Amino acid sequence: MVGLRKLLTVREAAKRLDLTEERVRELINLKQIRATKIKK
């Protein structure tokens, strides 16, 4: 269980951070943004 944290899609994070989705993915790969892959 995640608790009270809200999970965002890459698209939602990009919009909130005023970045492109590509840049958000780069930051995830650089470990500057924590991410979790969730399978449906």
C-alpha atoms as a PDB file:
ATOM      1  CA  MET A   1       0.000   0.000   0.000  1.00  0.00           C
ATOM      2  CA  VAL A   2       1.279   3.429  -0.927  1.00  0.00           C
ATOM      3  CA  GLY A   3      -0.273   5.313   1.965  1.00  0.00           C
ATOM      4  CA  LEU A   4      -1.178   8.981   1.582  1.00  0.00           C
ATOM      5  CA  ARG A   5       1.159   9.690  -1.331  1.00  0.00           C
ATOM      6  CA  LYS A   6      -0.488  10.458  -4.651  1.00  0.00           C
ATOM      7  CA  LEU A   7       0.878   8.644  -7.645  1.00  0.00           C
ATOM      8  CA  LEU A   8       1.162  10.564 -10.891  1.00  0.00           C
ATOM      9  CA  THR A   9       1.605   9.428 -14.455  1.00  0.00           C
ATOM     10  CA  VAL A  10       4.588  10.741 -16.388  1.00  0.00           C
ATOM     11  CA  ARG A  11       2.156  13.010 -18.248  1.00  0.00           C
ATOM     12  CA  GLU A  12       0.696  14.405 -15.000  1.00  0.00           C
ATOM     13  CA  ALA A  13       4.158  14.948 -13.496  1.00  0.00           C
ATOM     14  CA  ALA A  14       5.324  16.726 -16.652  1.00  0.00           C
ATOM     15  CA  LYS A  15       2.330  19.044 -16.562  1.00  0.00           C
ATOM     16  CA  ARG A  16       2.799  19.872 -12.865  1.00  0.00           C
ATOM     17  CA  LEU A  17       6.531  20.477 -13.311  1.00  0.00           C
ATOM     18  CA  ASP A  18       6.099  22.343 -16.608  1.00  0.00           C
ATOM     19  CA  LEU A  19       8.437  19.892 -18.356  1.00  0.00           C
ATOM     20  CA  THR A  20       8.110  17.575 -21.302  1.00  0.00           C
ATOM     21  CA  GLU A  21       7.304  13.911 -20.726  1.00  0.00           C
ATOM     22  CA  GLU A  22      10.686  13.089 -22.242  1.00  0.00           C
ATOM     23  CA  ARG A  23      12.457  15.304 -19.690  1.00  0.00           C
ATOM     24  CA  VAL A  24      10.542  13.692 -16.816  1.00  0.00           C
ATOM     25  CA  ARG A  25      11.673  10.265 -18.060  1.00  0.00           C
ATOM     26  CA  GLU A  26      15.268  11.535 -18.247  1.00  0.00           C
ATOM     27  CA  LEU A  27      15.049  12.745 -14.644  1.00  0.00           C
ATOM     28  CA  ILE A  28      13.647   9.367 -13.604  1.00  0.00           C
ATOM     29  CA  ASN A  29      16.554   7.604 -15.335  1.00  0.00           C
ATOM     30  CA  LEU A  30      18.984   9.970 -13.604  1.00  0.00           C
ATOM     31  CA  LYS A  31      17.280   9.075 -10.294  1.00  0.00           C
ATOM     32  CA  GLN A  32      16.374  12.716  -9.653  1.00  0.00           C
ATOM     33  CA  ILE A  33      12.681  11.784  -9.584  1.00  0.00           C
ATOM     34  CA  ARG A  34      11.535   8.637  -7.850  1.00  0.00           C
ATOM     35  CA  ALA A  35       9.279   6.421  -9.913  1.00  0.00           C
ATOM     36  CA  THR A  36       7.475   3.122  -9.635  1.00  0.00           C
ATOM     37  CA  LYS A  37       6.240   1.139 -12.581  1.00  0.00           C
ATOM     38  CA  ILE A  38       2.723  -0.171 -11.965  1.00  0.00           C
ATOM     39  CA  LYS A  39       1.285  -2.970 -14.048  1.00  0.00           C
ATOM     40  CA  LYS A  40      -2.406  -3.040 -14.840  1.00  0.00           C
END
